Amino acid sequence: MSHPTESDPASPAPTGREAAYLRVLASPEFQELRHKYRSWVIPATLAGLAFYFVYVLMSTYAVDFMSRPVIGNVNVGLIFGLLQFVATFAVTMAYVRYADRELDPRSSKIREEMEAEGLA
């Protein structure tokens, strides 16, 4: 979905509120917030997916390695599978800390500015 602009005569002119939101979207502060968000989330997502797919591929093609016993009936595959849960919780906790430190202050500032203008 595209935003209406002056260069698109088929689109109706934005209302005052829409124009204000478009200004916020184009603001350096919002662009920095988006950059900070994406610079953390995209690599973390790719790393998590890579870890998962390595697990799946190893379970399929490295059966001997994954079925190797470690302690009693616990094998490498079971440990690897349980580490998926550990990794998920670790990434979640890391994201919450990152959001608290980097994203929330920036988004709060943008929200406060919008509220001061009567937009929120």
PDB file of N, CA and C in Angstrom:
ATOM      1  N   MET A   1       0.850  -1.171   0.000  1.00  0.00           N
ATOM      2  CA  MET A   1       0.000   0.000   0.000  1.00  0.00           C
ATOM      3  C   MET A   1       0.889   1.225   0.000  1.00  0.00           C
ATOM      4  N   SER A   2       0.631   2.138  -0.918  1.00  0.00           N
ATOM      5  CA  SER A   2       1.459   3.332  -0.990  1.00  0.00           C
ATOM      6  C   SER A   2       0.769   4.490  -0.282  1.00  0.00           C
ATOM      7  N   HIS A   3       1.580   5.430   0.102  1.00  0.00           N
ATOM      8  CA  HIS A   3       1.061   6.631   0.750  1.00  0.00           C
ATOM      9  C   HIS A   3       0.733   7.659  -0.319  1.00  0.00           C
ATOM     10  N   PRO A   4      -0.357   8.383  -0.152  1.00  0.00           N
ATOM     11  CA  PRO A   4      -0.689   9.407  -1.141  1.00  0.00           C
ATOM     12  C   PRO A   4       0.354  10.515  -1.118  1.00  0.00           C
ATOM     13  N   THR A   5       0.699  10.967  -2.305  1.00  0.00           N
ATOM     14  CA  THR A   5       1.677  12.057  -2.424  1.00  0.00           C
ATOM     15  C   THR A   5       1.172  13.072  -3.423  1.00  0.00           C
ATOM     16  N   GLU A   6       1.862  14.211  -3.467  1.00  0.00           N
ATOM     17  CA  GLU A   6       1.476  15.239  -4.420  1.00  0.00           C
ATOM     18  C   GLU A   6       1.730  14.787  -5.846  1.00  0.00           C
ATOM     19  N   SER A   7       2.687  13.858  -6.067  1.00  0.00           N
ATOM     20  CA  SER A   7       3.023  13.414  -7.409  1.00  0.00           C
ATOM     21  C   SER A   7       2.036  12.392  -7.955  1.00  0.00           C
ATOM     22  N   ASP A   8       1.103  11.935  -7.136  1.00  0.00           N
ATOM     23  CA  ASP A   8       0.107  10.951  -7.559  1.00  0.00           C
ATOM     24  C   ASP A   8      -1.259  11.632  -7.618  1.00  0.00           C
ATOM     25  N   PRO A   9      -1.625  12.154  -8.799  1.00  0.00           N
ATOM     26  CA  PRO A   9      -2.885  12.903  -8.893  1.00  0.00           C
ATOM     27  C   PRO A   9      -4.133  12.044  -8.679  1.00  0.00           C
ATOM     28  N   ALA A  10      -4.039  10.731  -8.802  1.00  0.00           N
ATOM     29  CA  ALA A  10      -5.202   9.875  -8.627  1.00  0.00           C
ATOM     30  C   ALA A  10      -5.570   9.710  -7.155  1.00  0.00           C
ATOM     31  N   SER A  11      -4.634   9.989  -6.264  1.00  0.00           N
ATOM     32  CA  SER A  11      -4.891   9.840  -4.836  1.00  0.00           C
ATOM     33  C   SER A  11      -5.479  11.124  -4.275  1.00  0.00           C
ATOM     34  N   PRO A  12      -6.441  10.988  -3.375  1.00  0.00           N
ATOM     35  CA  PRO A  12      -6.966  12.201  -2.739  1.00  0.00           C
ATOM     36  C   PRO A  12      -5.892  12.807  -1.828  1.00  0.00           C
ATOM     37  N   ALA A  13      -5.968  14.084  -1.640  1.00  0.00           N
ATOM     38  CA  ALA A  13      -5.021  14.774  -0.761  1.00  0.00           C
ATOM     39  C   ALA A  13      -5.196  14.247   0.662  1.00  0.00           C
ATOM     40  N   PRO A  14      -4.099  14.062   1.381  1.00  0.00           N
ATOM     41  CA  PRO A  14      -4.216  13.560   2.747  1.00  0.00           C
ATOM     42  C   PRO A  14      -4.887  14.590   3.648  1.00  0.00           C
ATOM     43  N   THR A  15      -5.627  14.087   4.612  1.00  0.00           N
ATOM     44  CA  THR A  15      -6.221  14.974   5.605  1.00  0.00           C
ATOM     45  C   THR A  15      -5.096  15.521   6.477  1.00  0.00           C
ATOM     46  N   GLY A  16      -5.415  16.447   7.345  1.00  0.00           N
ATOM     47  CA  GLY A  16      -4.418  17.026   8.236  1.00  0.00           C
ATOM     48  C   GLY A  16      -3.774  15.970   9.121  1.00  0.00           C
ATOM     49  N   ARG A  17      -4.581  15.091   9.648  1.00  0.00           N
ATOM     50  CA  ARG A  17      -4.060  14.011  10.510  1.00  0.00           C
ATOM     51  C   ARG A  17      -3.180  13.058   9.704  1.00  0.00           C
ATOM     52  N   GLU A  18      -3.620  12.692   8.494  1.00  0.00           N
ATOM     53  CA  GLU A  18      -2.818  11.809   7.650  1.00  0.00           C
ATOM     54  C   GLU A  18      -1.491  12.458   7.285  1.00  0.00           C
ATOM     55  N   ALA A  19      -1.532  13.740   6.961  1.00  0.00           N
ATOM     56  CA  ALA A  19      -0.297  14.454   6.619  1.00  0.00           C
ATOM     57  C   ALA A  19       0.660  14.486   7.808  1.00  0.00           C
ATOM     58  N   ALA A  20       0.109  14.657   9.008  1.00  0.00           N
ATOM     59  CA  ALA A  20       0.951  14.666  10.204  1.00  0.00           C
ATOM     60  C   ALA A  20       1.596  13.298  10.412  1.00  0.00           C
ATOM     61  N   TYR A  21       0.841  12.225  10.223  1.00  0.00           N
ATOM     62  CA  TYR A  21       1.403  10.880  10.346  1.00  0.00           C
ATOM     63  C   TYR A  21       2.469  10.634   9.277  1.00  0.00           C
ATOM     64  N   LEU A  22       2.228  11.103   8.066  1.00  0.00           N
ATOM     65  CA  LEU A  22       3.227  10.959   7.008  1.00  0.00           C
ATOM     66  C   LEU A  22       4.512  11.712   7.363  1.00  0.00           C
ATOM     67  N   ARG A  23       4.366  12.880   7.999  1.00  0.00           N
ATOM     68  CA  ARG A  23       5.557  13.626   8.445  1.00  0.00           C
ATOM     69  C   ARG A  23       6.320  12.826   9.493  1.00  0.00           C
ATOM     70  N   VAL A  24       5.591  12.201  10.409  1.00  0.00           N
ATOM     71  CA  VAL A  24       6.251  11.378  11.432  1.00  0.00           C
ATOM     72  C   VAL A  24       6.971  10.213  10.772  1.00  0.00           C
ATOM     73  N   LEU A  25       6.301   9.550   9.825  1.00  0.00           N
ATOM     74  CA  LEU A  25       6.934   8.420   9.136  1.00  0.00           C
ATOM     75  C   LEU A  25       8.211   8.831   8.420  1.00  0.00           C
ATOM     76  N   ALA A  26       8.249  10.046   7.900  1.00  0.00           N
ATOM     77  CA  ALA A  26       9.416  10.524   7.166  1.00  0.00           C
ATOM     78  C   ALA A  26      10.462  11.166   8.072  1.00  0.00           C
ATOM     79  N   SER A  27      10.153  11.350   9.339  1.00  0.00           N
ATOM     80  CA  SER A  27      11.073  12.056  10.236  1.00  0.00           C
ATOM     81  C   SER A  27      12.336  11.238  10.500  1.00  0.00           C
ATOM     82  N   PRO A  28      13.453  11.916  10.717  1.00  0.00           N
ATOM     83  CA  PRO A  28      14.702  11.204  11.029  1.00  0.00           C
ATOM     84  C   PRO A  28      14.593  10.359  12.299  1.00  0.00           C
ATOM     85  N   GLU A  29      13.820  10.818  13.274  1.00  0.00           N
ATOM     86  CA  GLU A  29      13.663  10.067  14.519  1.00  0.00           C
ATOM     87  C   GLU A  29      12.974   8.723  14.272  1.00  0.00           C
ATOM     88  N   PHE A  30      11.912   8.739  13.452  1.00  0.00           N
ATOM     89  CA  PHE A  30      11.195   7.501  13.160  1.00  0.00           C
ATOM     90  C   PHE A  30      12.048   6.580  12.304  1.00  0.00           C
ATOM     91  N   GLN A  31      12.779   7.154  11.343  1.00  0.00           N
ATOM     92  CA  GLN A  31      13.656   6.342  10.503  1.00  0.00           C
ATOM     93  C   GLN A  31      14.755   5.689  11.343  1.00  0.00           C
ATOM     94  N   GLU A  32      15.275   6.415  12.327  1.00  0.00           N
ATOM     95  CA  GLU A  32      16.285   5.845  13.221  1.00  0.00           C
ATOM     96  C   GLU A  32      15.686   4.708  14.053  1.00  0.00           C
ATOM     97  N   LEU A  33      14.461   4.894  14.538  1.00  0.00           N
ATOM     98  CA  LEU A  33      13.774   3.847  15.292  1.00  0.00           C
ATOM     99  C   LEU A  33      13.613   2.592  14.427  1.00  0.00           C
ATOM    100  N   ARG A  34      13.175   2.770  13.196  1.00  0.00           N
ATOM    101  CA  ARG A  34      13.026   1.635  12.290  1.00  0.00           C
ATOM    102  C   ARG A  34      14.358   0.958  12.034  1.00  0.00           C
ATOM    103  N   HIS A  35      15.419   1.750  11.854  1.00  0.00           N
ATOM    104  CA  HIS A  35      16.747   1.190  11.618  1.00  0.00           C
ATOM    105  C   HIS A  35      17.215   0.381  12.828  1.00  0.00           C
ATOM    106  N   LYS A  36      17.038   0.940  14.025  1.00  0.00           N
ATOM    107  CA  LYS A  36      17.441   0.240  15.252  1.00  0.00           C
ATOM    108  C   LYS A  36      16.669  -1.072  15.392  1.00  0.00           C
ATOM    109  N   TYR A  37      15.384  -1.034  15.134  1.00  0.00           N
ATOM    110  CA  TYR A  37      14.544  -2.235  15.232  1.00  0.00           C
ATOM    111  C   TYR A  37      15.015  -3.296  14.244  1.00  0.00           C
ATOM    112  N   ARG A  38      15.140  -2.906  12.986  1.00  0.00           N
ATOM    113  CA  ARG A  38      15.526  -3.863  11.949  1.00  0.00           C
ATOM    114  C   ARG A  38      16.944  -4.385  12.139  1.00  0.00           C
ATOM    115  N   SER A  39      17.844  -3.534  12.631  1.00  0.00           N
ATOM    116  CA  SER A  39      19.232  -3.971  12.788  1.00  0.00           C
ATOM    117  C   SER A  39      19.368  -5.024  13.879  1.00  0.00           C
ATOM    118  N   TRP A  40      18.381  -5.140  14.755  1.00  0.00           N
ATOM    119  CA  TRP A  40      18.406  -6.189  15.773  1.00  0.00           C
ATOM    120  C   TRP A  40      17.549  -7.380  15.355  1.00  0.00           C
ATOM    121  N   VAL A  41      16.351  -7.106  14.904  1.00  0.00           N
ATOM    122  CA  VAL A  41      15.381  -8.163  14.645  1.00  0.00           C
ATOM    123  C   VAL A  41      15.768  -9.028  13.444  1.00  0.00           C
ATOM    124  N   ILE A  42      16.222  -8.435  12.376  1.00  0.00           N
ATOM    125  CA  ILE A  42      16.536  -9.235  11.186  1.00  0.00           C
ATOM    126  C   ILE A  42      17.679 -10.210  11.453  1.00  0.00           C
ATOM    127  N   PRO A  43      18.827  -9.760  11.998  1.00  0.00           N
ATOM    128  CA  PRO A  43      19.883 -10.742  12.289  1.00  0.00           C
ATOM    129  C   PRO A  43      19.461 -11.794  13.322  1.00  0.00           C
ATOM    130  N   ALA A  44      18.722 -11.394  14.342  1.00  0.00           N
ATOM    131  CA  ALA A  44      18.282 -12.360  15.352  1.00  0.00           C
ATOM    132  C   ALA A  44      17.342 -13.393  14.740  1.00  0.00           C
ATOM    133  N   THR A  45      16.453 -12.953  13.877  1.00  0.00           N
ATOM    134  CA  THR A  45      15.528 -13.878  13.212  1.00  0.00           C
ATOM    135  C   THR A  45      16.288 -14.836  12.305  1.00  0.00           C
ATOM    136  N   LEU A  46      17.217 -14.300  11.526  1.00  0.00           N
ATOM    137  CA  LEU A  46      18.000 -15.155  10.637  1.00  0.00           C
ATOM    138  C   LEU A  46      18.832 -16.163  11.421  1.00  0.00           C
ATOM    139  N   ALA A  47      19.416 -15.741  12.534  1.00  0.00           N
ATOM    140  CA  ALA A  47      20.210 -16.656  13.357  1.00  0.00           C
ATOM    141  C   ALA A  47      19.322 -17.751  13.947  1.00  0.00           C
ATOM    142  N   GLY A  48      18.148 -17.372  14.435  1.00  0.00           N
ATOM    143  CA  GLY A  48      17.228 -18.360  14.990  1.00  0.00           C
ATOM    144  C   GLY A  48      16.756 -19.357  13.942  1.00  0.00           C
ATOM    145  N   LEU A  49      16.433 -18.856  12.756  1.00  0.00           N
ATOM    146  CA  LEU A  49      16.011 -19.763  11.678  1.00  0.00           C
ATOM    147  C   LEU A  49      17.160 -20.669  11.245  1.00  0.00           C
ATOM    148  N   ALA A  50      18.363 -20.113  11.169  1.00  0.00           N
ATOM    149  CA  ALA A  50      19.525 -20.930  10.796  1.00  0.00           C
ATOM    150  C   ALA A  50      19.741 -22.039  11.820  1.00  0.00           C
ATOM    151  N   PHE A  51      19.655 -21.706  13.103  1.00  0.00           N
ATOM    152  CA  PHE A  51      19.823 -22.703  14.163  1.00  0.00           C
ATOM    153  C   PHE A  51      18.770 -23.805  14.028  1.00  0.00           C
ATOM    154  N   TYR A  52      17.537 -23.408  13.758  1.00  0.00           N
ATOM    155  CA  TYR A  52      16.456 -24.382  13.603  1.00  0.00           C
ATOM    156  C   TYR A  52      16.698 -25.279  12.385  1.00  0.00           C
ATOM    157  N   PHE A  53      17.045 -24.668  11.241  1.00  0.00           N
ATOM    158  CA  PHE A  53      17.228 -25.467  10.034  1.00  0.00           C
ATOM    159  C   PHE A  53      18.456 -26.373  10.114  1.00  0.00           C
ATOM    160  N   VAL A  54      19.495 -25.941  10.816  1.00  0.00           N
ATOM    161  CA  VAL A  54      20.638 -26.829  11.049  1.00  0.00           C
ATOM    162  C   VAL A  54      20.183 -28.046  11.839  1.00  0.00           C
ATOM    163  N   TYR A  55      19.357 -27.810  12.848  1.00  0.00           N
ATOM    164  CA  TYR A  55      18.808 -28.912  13.646  1.00  0.00           C
ATOM    165  C   TYR A  55      18.007 -29.877  12.764  1.00  0.00           C
ATOM    166  N   VAL A  56      17.146 -29.338  11.926  1.00  0.00           N
ATOM    167  CA  VAL A  56      16.320 -30.182  11.061  1.00  0.00           C
ATOM    168  C   VAL A  56      17.199 -30.940  10.068  1.00  0.00           C
ATOM    169  N   LEU A  57      18.138 -30.260   9.447  1.00  0.00           N
ATOM    170  CA  LEU A  57      19.012 -30.913   8.471  1.00  0.00           C
ATOM    171  C   LEU A  57      19.880 -31.991   9.116  1.00  0.00           C
ATOM    172  N   MET A  58      20.403 -31.679  10.303  1.00  0.00           N
ATOM    173  CA  MET A  58      21.217 -32.675  10.990  1.00  0.00           C
ATOM    174  C   MET A  58      20.368 -33.877  11.413  1.00  0.00           C
ATOM    175  N   SER A  59      19.133 -33.629  11.801  1.00  0.00           N
ATOM    176  CA  SER A  59      18.243 -34.730  12.170  1.00  0.00           C
ATOM    177  C   SER A  59      17.950 -35.622  10.970  1.00  0.00           C
ATOM    178  N   THR A  60      17.982 -35.025   9.783  1.00  0.00           N
ATOM    179  CA  THR A  60      17.690 -35.769   8.562  1.00  0.00           C
ATOM    180  C   THR A  60      18.935 -36.447   7.984  1.00  0.00           C
ATOM    181  N   TYR A  61      20.050 -35.710   7.938  1.00  0.00           N
ATOM    182  CA  TYR A  61      21.228 -36.201   7.223  1.00  0.00           C
ATOM    183  C   TYR A  61      22.383 -36.649   8.119  1.00  0.00           C
ATOM    184  N   ALA A  62      22.357 -36.339   9.397  1.00  0.00           N
ATOM    185  CA  ALA A  62      23.427 -36.747  10.315  1.00  0.00           C
ATOM    186  C   ALA A  62      22.821 -37.590  11.442  1.00  0.00           C
ATOM    187  N   VAL A  63      22.082 -38.599  11.043  1.00  0.00           N
ATOM    188  CA  VAL A  63      21.343 -39.425  11.998  1.00  0.00           C
ATOM    189  C   VAL A  63      22.294 -40.097  12.986  1.00  0.00           C
ATOM    190  N   ASP A  64      23.410 -40.584  12.494  1.00  0.00           N
ATOM    191  CA  ASP A  64      24.360 -41.255  13.396  1.00  0.00           C
ATOM    192  C   ASP A  64      24.877 -40.294  14.461  1.00  0.00           C
ATOM    193  N   PHE A  65      25.210 -39.081  14.063  1.00  0.00           N
ATOM    194  CA  PHE A  65      25.699 -38.094  15.028  1.00  0.00           C
ATOM    195  C   PHE A  65      24.601 -37.706  16.012  1.00  0.00           C
ATOM    196  N   MET A  66      23.417 -37.434  15.501  1.00  0.00           N
ATOM    197  CA  MET A  66      22.321 -36.975  16.356  1.00  0.00           C
ATOM    198  C   MET A  66      21.837 -38.070  17.309  1.00  0.00           C
ATOM    199  N   SER A  67      22.016 -39.337  16.950  1.00  0.00           N
ATOM    200  CA  SER A  67      21.571 -40.426  17.821  1.00  0.00           C
ATOM    201  C   SER A  67      22.672 -40.912  18.765  1.00  0.00           C
ATOM    202  N   ARG A  68      23.809 -40.252  18.736  1.00  0.00           N
ATOM    203  CA  ARG A  68      24.911 -40.630  19.624  1.00  0.00           C
ATOM    204  C   ARG A  68      24.525 -40.343  21.074  1.00  0.00           C
ATOM    205  N   PRO A  69      24.594 -41.353  21.954  1.00  0.00           N
ATOM    206  CA  PRO A  69      24.239 -41.142  23.365  1.00  0.00           C
ATOM    207  C   PRO A  69      25.234 -40.217  24.060  1.00  0.00           C
ATOM    208  N   VAL A  70      24.721 -39.368  24.932  1.00  0.00           N
ATOM    209  CA  VAL A  70      25.569 -38.467  25.716  1.00  0.00           C
ATOM    210  C   VAL A  70      25.573 -38.936  27.165  1.00  0.00           C
ATOM    211  N   ILE A  71      24.381 -39.056  27.749  1.00  0.00           N
ATOM    212  CA  ILE A  71      24.221 -39.546  29.121  1.00  0.00           C
ATOM    213  C   ILE A  71      23.012 -40.475  29.134  1.00  0.00           C
ATOM    214  N   GLY A  72      23.218 -41.733  29.358  1.00  0.00           N
ATOM    215  CA  GLY A  72      22.106 -42.684  29.390  1.00  0.00           C
ATOM    216  C   GLY A  72      21.353 -42.687  28.073  1.00  0.00           C
ATOM    217  N   ASN A  73      20.027 -42.446  28.138  1.00  0.00           N
ATOM    218  CA  ASN A  73      19.200 -42.407  26.929  1.00  0.00           C
ATOM    219  C   ASN A  73      19.145 -41.028  26.277  1.00  0.00           C
ATOM    220  N   VAL A  74      19.840 -40.072  26.832  1.00  0.00           N
ATOM    221  CA  VAL A  74      19.855 -38.714  26.274  1.00  0.00           C
ATOM    222  C   VAL A  74      20.903 -38.661  25.170  1.00  0.00           C
ATOM    223  N   ASN A  75      20.456 -38.314  23.971  1.00  0.00           N
ATOM    224  CA  ASN A  75      21.383 -38.255  22.842  1.00  0.00           C
ATOM    225  C   ASN A  75      21.585 -36.819  22.367  1.00  0.00           C
ATOM    226  N   VAL A  76      22.472 -36.652  21.402  1.00  0.00           N
ATOM    227  CA  VAL A  76      22.802 -35.324  20.879  1.00  0.00           C
ATOM    228  C   VAL A  76      21.558 -34.647  20.307  1.00  0.00           C
ATOM    229  N   GLY A  77      20.724 -35.392  19.589  1.00  0.00           N
ATOM    230  CA  GLY A  77      19.515 -34.825  18.993  1.00  0.00           C
ATOM    231  C   GLY A  77      18.558 -34.265  20.031  1.00  0.00           C
ATOM    232  N   LEU A  78      18.396 -34.979  21.133  1.00  0.00           N
ATOM    233  CA  LEU A  78      17.512 -34.498  22.201  1.00  0.00           C
ATOM    234  C   LEU A  78      18.066 -33.211  22.817  1.00  0.00           C
ATOM    235  N   ILE A  79      19.359 -33.189  23.058  1.00  0.00           N
ATOM    236  CA  ILE A  79      19.973 -31.970  23.611  1.00  0.00           C
ATOM    237  C   ILE A  79      19.820 -30.811  22.634  1.00  0.00           C
ATOM    238  N   PHE A  80      20.084 -31.079  21.358  1.00  0.00           N
ATOM    239  CA  PHE A  80      19.945 -30.052  20.326  1.00  0.00           C
ATOM    240  C   PHE A  80      18.504 -29.535  20.275  1.00  0.00           C
ATOM    241  N   GLY A  81      17.531 -30.448  20.369  1.00  0.00           N
ATOM    242  CA  GLY A  81      16.127 -30.046  20.355  1.00  0.00           C
ATOM    243  C   GLY A  81      15.754 -29.203  21.556  1.00  0.00           C
ATOM    244  N   LEU A  82      16.241 -29.588  22.742  1.00  0.00           N
ATOM    245  CA  LEU A  82      15.962 -28.790  23.939  1.00  0.00           C
ATOM    246  C   LEU A  82      16.630 -27.424  23.878  1.00  0.00           C
ATOM    247  N   LEU A  83      17.782 -27.367  23.210  1.00  0.00           N
ATOM    248  CA  LEU A  83      18.460 -26.073  23.057  1.00  0.00           C
ATOM    249  C   LEU A  83      17.647 -25.102  22.201  1.00  0.00           C
ATOM    250  N   GLN A  84      16.745 -25.631  21.370  1.00  0.00           N
ATOM    251  CA  GLN A  84      15.859 -24.751  20.602  1.00  0.00           C
ATOM    252  C   GLN A  84      14.995 -23.918  21.546  1.00  0.00           C
ATOM    253  N   PHE A  85      14.502 -24.548  22.609  1.00  0.00           N
ATOM    254  CA  PHE A  85      13.701 -23.815  23.595  1.00  0.00           C
ATOM    255  C   PHE A  85      14.556 -22.805  24.342  1.00  0.00           C
ATOM    256  N   VAL A  86      15.732 -23.222  24.740  1.00  0.00           N
ATOM    257  CA  VAL A  86      16.650 -22.326  25.445  1.00  0.00           C
ATOM    258  C   VAL A  86      16.976 -21.122  24.567  1.00  0.00           C
ATOM    259  N   ALA A  87      17.260 -21.374  23.296  1.00  0.00           N
ATOM    260  CA  ALA A  87      17.587 -20.287  22.374  1.00  0.00           C
ATOM    261  C   ALA A  87      16.409 -19.326  22.208  1.00  0.00           C
ATOM    262  N   THR A  88      15.205 -19.874  22.128  1.00  0.00           N
ATOM    263  CA  THR A  88      14.020 -19.027  21.980  1.00  0.00           C
ATOM    264  C   THR A  88      13.853 -18.098  23.178  1.00  0.00           C
ATOM    265  N   PHE A  89      13.987 -18.646  24.377  1.00  0.00           N
ATOM    266  CA  PHE A  89      13.867 -17.821  25.576  1.00  0.00           C
ATOM    267  C   PHE A  89      15.013 -16.811  25.673  1.00  0.00           C
ATOM    268  N   ALA A  90      16.211 -17.216  25.296  1.00  0.00           N
ATOM    269  CA  ALA A  90      17.362 -16.311  25.355  1.00  0.00           C
ATOM    270  C   ALA A  90      17.183 -15.138  24.387  1.00  0.00           C
ATOM    271  N   VAL A  91      16.716 -15.428  23.174  1.00  0.00           N
ATOM    272  CA  VAL A  91      16.496 -14.360  22.197  1.00  0.00           C
ATOM    273  C   VAL A  91      15.386 -13.429  22.672  1.00  0.00           C
ATOM    274  N   THR A  92      14.338 -13.993  23.252  1.00  0.00           N
ATOM    275  CA  THR A  92      13.241 -13.168  23.770  1.00  0.00           C
ATOM    276  C   THR A  92      13.729 -12.244  24.875  1.00  0.00           C
ATOM    277  N   MET A  93      14.495 -12.784  25.804  1.00  0.00           N
ATOM    278  CA  MET A  93      15.013 -11.955  26.898  1.00  0.00           C
ATOM    279  C   MET A  93      15.969 -10.883  26.366  1.00  0.00           C
ATOM    280  N   ALA A  94      16.807 -11.238  25.404  1.00  0.00           N
ATOM    281  CA  ALA A  94      17.732 -10.266  24.828  1.00  0.00           C
ATOM    282  C   ALA A  94      16.968  -9.157  24.103  1.00  0.00           C
ATOM    283  N   TYR A  95      15.901  -9.531  23.382  1.00  0.00           N
ATOM    284  CA  TYR A  95      15.111  -8.518  22.684  1.00  0.00           C
ATOM    285  C   TYR A  95      14.426  -7.572  23.669  1.00  0.00           C
ATOM    286  N   VAL A  96      13.887  -8.103  24.744  1.00  0.00           N
ATOM    287  CA  VAL A  96      13.219  -7.255  25.740  1.00  0.00           C
ATOM    288  C   VAL A  96      14.218  -6.253  26.313  1.00  0.00           C
ATOM    289  N   ARG A  97      15.417  -6.712  26.627  1.00  0.00           N
ATOM    290  CA  ARG A  97      16.449  -5.799  27.148  1.00  0.00           C
ATOM    291  C   ARG A  97      16.807  -4.747  26.109  1.00  0.00           C
ATOM    292  N   TYR A  98      16.963  -5.168  24.850  1.00  0.00           N
ATOM    293  CA  TYR A  98      17.303  -4.230  23.778  1.00  0.00           C
ATOM    294  C   TYR A  98      16.182  -3.218  23.581  1.00  0.00           C
ATOM    295  N   ALA A  99      14.940  -3.694  23.565  1.00  0.00           N
ATOM    296  CA  ALA A  99      13.799  -2.792  23.378  1.00  0.00           C
ATOM    297  C   ALA A  99      13.706  -1.797  24.526  1.00  0.00           C
ATOM    298  N   ASP A 100      13.890  -2.271  25.757  1.00  0.00           N
ATOM    299  CA  ASP A 100      13.844  -1.374  26.914  1.00  0.00           C
ATOM    300  C   ASP A 100      14.907  -0.286  26.815  1.00  0.00           C
ATOM    301  N   ARG A 101      16.088  -0.665  26.352  1.00  0.00           N
ATOM    302  CA  ARG A 101      17.218   0.257  26.326  1.00  0.00           C
ATOM    303  C   ARG A 101      17.241   1.155  25.083  1.00  0.00           C
ATOM    304  N   GLU A 102      16.902   0.598  23.918  1.00  0.00           N
ATOM    305  CA  GLU A 102      17.075   1.328  22.661  1.00  0.00           C
ATOM    306  C   GLU A 102      15.776   1.780  21.999  1.00  0.00           C
ATOM    307  N   LEU A 103      14.788   0.910  21.961  1.00  0.00           N
ATOM    308  CA  LEU A 103      13.585   1.203  21.180  1.00  0.00           C
ATOM    309  C   LEU A 103      12.540   1.990  21.958  1.00  0.00           C
ATOM    310  N   ASP A 104      12.274   1.573  23.179  1.00  0.00           N
ATOM    311  CA  ASP A 104      11.216   2.224  23.956  1.00  0.00           C
ATOM    312  C   ASP A 104      11.459   3.712  24.194  1.00  0.00           C
ATOM    313  N   PRO A 105      12.685   4.145  24.555  1.00  0.00           N
ATOM    314  CA  PRO A 105      12.882   5.581  24.729  1.00  0.00           C
ATOM    315  C   PRO A 105      12.630   6.370  23.445  1.00  0.00           C
ATOM    316  N   ARG A 106      13.058   5.821  22.316  1.00  0.00           N
ATOM    317  CA  ARG A 106      12.842   6.518  21.037  1.00  0.00           C
ATOM    318  C   ARG A 106      11.363   6.567  20.674  1.00  0.00           C
ATOM    319  N   SER A 107      10.676   5.443  20.839  1.00  0.00           N
ATOM    320  CA  SER A 107       9.245   5.436  20.492  1.00  0.00           C
ATOM    321  C   SER A 107       8.438   6.299  21.458  1.00  0.00           C
ATOM    322  N   SER A 108       8.846   6.336  22.722  1.00  0.00           N
ATOM    323  CA  SER A 108       8.153   7.196  23.692  1.00  0.00           C
ATOM    324  C   SER A 108       8.306   8.663  23.323  1.00  0.00           C
ATOM    325  N   LYS A 109       9.495   9.035  22.884  1.00  0.00           N
ATOM    326  CA  LYS A 109       9.727  10.431  22.478  1.00  0.00           C
ATOM    327  C   LYS A 109       8.848  10.798  21.288  1.00  0.00           C
ATOM    328  N   ILE A 110       8.782   9.909  20.297  1.00  0.00           N
ATOM    329  CA  ILE A 110       7.940  10.162  19.124  1.00  0.00           C
ATOM    330  C   ILE A 110       6.476  10.259  19.541  1.00  0.00           C
ATOM    331  N   ARG A 111       6.024   9.342  20.402  1.00  0.00           N
ATOM    332  CA  ARG A 111       4.630   9.359  20.865  1.00  0.00           C
ATOM    333  C   ARG A 111       4.322  10.644  21.620  1.00  0.00           C
ATOM    334  N   GLU A 112       5.250  11.066  22.500  1.00  0.00           N
ATOM    335  CA  GLU A 112       5.026  12.298  23.261  1.00  0.00           C
ATOM    336  C   GLU A 112       4.922  13.507  22.342  1.00  0.00           C
ATOM    337  N   GLU A 113       5.753  13.547  21.301  1.00  0.00           N
ATOM    338  CA  GLU A 113       5.684  14.653  20.341  1.00  0.00           C
ATOM    339  C   GLU A 113       4.360  14.628  19.592  1.00  0.00           C
ATOM    340  N   MET A 114       3.901  13.425  19.229  1.00  0.00           N
ATOM    341  CA  MET A 114       2.613  13.320  18.543  1.00  0.00           C
ATOM    342  C   MET A 114       1.464  13.728  19.455  1.00  0.00           C
ATOM    343  N   GLU A 115       1.532  13.324  20.728  1.00  0.00           N
ATOM    344  CA  GLU A 115       0.490  13.705  21.668  1.00  0.00           C
ATOM    345  C   GLU A 115       0.475  15.206  21.895  1.00  0.00           C
ATOM    346  N   ALA A 116       1.644  15.837  21.921  1.00  0.00           N
ATOM    347  CA  ALA A 116       1.729  17.290  22.091  1.00  0.00           C
ATOM    348  C   ALA A 116       1.081  18.013  20.909  1.00  0.00           C
ATOM    349  N   GLU A 117       1.137  17.387  19.730  1.00  0.00           N
ATOM    350  CA  GLU A 117       0.507  17.967  18.538  1.00  0.00           C
ATOM    351  C   GLU A 117      -0.973  17.563  18.432  1.00  0.00           C
ATOM    352  N   GLY A 118      -1.433  16.738  19.379  1.00  0.00           N
ATOM    353  CA  GLY A 118      -2.824  16.301  19.360  1.00  0.00           C
ATOM    354  C   GLY A 118      -3.115  15.213  18.353  1.00  0.00           C
ATOM    355  N   LEU A 119      -2.112  14.385  18.030  1.00  0.00           N
ATOM    356  CA  LEU A 119      -2.293  13.365  17.005  1.00  0.00           C
ATOM    357  C   LEU A 119      -2.536  11.967  17.547  1.00  0.00           C
ATOM    358  N   ALA A 120      -2.155  11.704  18.760  1.00  0.00           N
ATOM    359  CA  ALA A 120      -2.265  10.327  19.254  1.00  0.00           C
ATOM    360  C   ALA A 120      -3.598  10.067  19.895  1.00  0.00           C
TER     361      ALA A 120
END
